[in-house]
Protein backbone atom coordinates (compact mmCIF):
# COMPACT_ATOMS: atom_id res chain seq x y z
CA MET A 1 12.46 -3.26 5.94
CA ARG A 2 11.11 -3.10 2.42
CA LEU A 3 10.19 0.26 0.93
CA GLY A 4 6.54 -0.70 0.57
CA ALA A 5 6.29 -1.69 4.23
CA SER A 6 6.73 1.94 5.32
CA PHE A 7 3.72 2.98 3.25
CA ILE A 8 1.64 0.11 4.60
CA ILE A 9 2.48 1.21 8.16
CA ALA A 10 1.50 4.75 7.19
CA PHE A 11 -1.77 3.37 5.77
CA THR A 12 -2.58 1.68 9.06
CA THR A 13 -1.75 4.78 11.08
CA LEU A 14 -3.81 7.06 8.84
CA LEU A 15 -6.76 4.68 8.88
CA ILE A 16 -6.71 4.55 12.68
CA ALA A 17 -6.55 8.35 12.77
CA ALA A 18 -9.49 8.53 10.36
CA ALA A 19 -11.54 6.19 12.54
CA ARG A 20 -10.75 8.32 15.57
CA ARG A 21 -11.81 11.52 13.77
CA LEU A 22 -15.01 9.84 12.63
CA SER A 23 -15.82 8.79 16.18
CA LEU A 24 -15.42 12.45 17.20
CA GLY A 25 -17.89 13.55 14.52
CA LEU A 26 -15.29 15.07 12.18
CA GLU A 27 -16.52 13.33 9.05
CA ALA A 28 -14.82 15.60 6.49
CA THR A 29 -11.42 15.20 8.13
CA ALA A 30 -11.95 11.45 8.47
CA ASN A 31 -12.76 11.15 4.77
CA GLU A 32 -9.66 13.10 3.81
CA LEU A 33 -7.44 10.93 6.01
CA ALA A 34 -9.03 7.81 4.54
CA VAL A 35 -8.21 9.01 1.03
CA TYR A 36 -4.57 9.58 1.98
CA ALA A 37 -4.54 6.15 3.65
CA SER A 38 -5.75 4.51 0.43
CA TYR A 39 -2.99 6.23 -1.53
CA CYS A 40 -0.41 4.91 0.93
CA LEU A 41 -1.84 1.42 0.59
CA GLU A 42 -1.62 1.54 -3.20
CA ILE A 43 1.95 2.86 -3.11
CA GLY A 44 2.91 0.26 -0.51
CA VAL A 45 1.38 -2.78 -2.17
CA ILE A 46 2.84 -2.26 -5.66
CA PRO A 47 6.48 -2.89 -4.62
CA GLN A 48 5.33 -5.90 -2.61
CA ILE A 49 3.66 -7.67 -5.55
CA ALA A 50 5.96 -6.50 -8.34
CA PRO A 51 8.49 -9.34 -7.82
CA TYR A 52 5.69 -11.92 -7.96
CA VAL A 53 4.34 -10.50 -11.19
CA GLU A 54 7.81 -10.20 -12.69
CA TYR A 55 9.22 -13.58 -11.67
CA GLY A 56 6.14 -15.61 -10.84
CA ARG A 57 4.91 -16.24 -14.37
CA GLY A 58 6.63 -19.22 -15.87
CA GLY A 59 9.52 -19.03 -13.41
CA LYS A 60 11.66 -16.89 -15.72
CA GLY A 61 12.70 -13.34 -15.02
CA ARG A 62 13.77 -10.66 -17.41
CA ASP A 63 17.45 -11.52 -16.86
CA GLU A 64 17.01 -15.11 -18.03
CA GLU A 65 17.10 -15.86 -21.72
CA GLU A 66 14.64 -18.20 -23.34
CA ASN A 67 16.24 -21.03 -25.34
């Protein structure tokens, strides 16, 4: 499993927990969990898109020399 996938799973879990707290009327706790969930999503998505940004433009990576 990729490193970023763990953070995306954590995002989903935290967001579900936040929704549950909100349904119980614990708005402050739900907001805090939602903030942590957004951090996990950001941390998880960056490693997922980094290879596309690095190698996707022009088809050349940093290891390939331009002639």
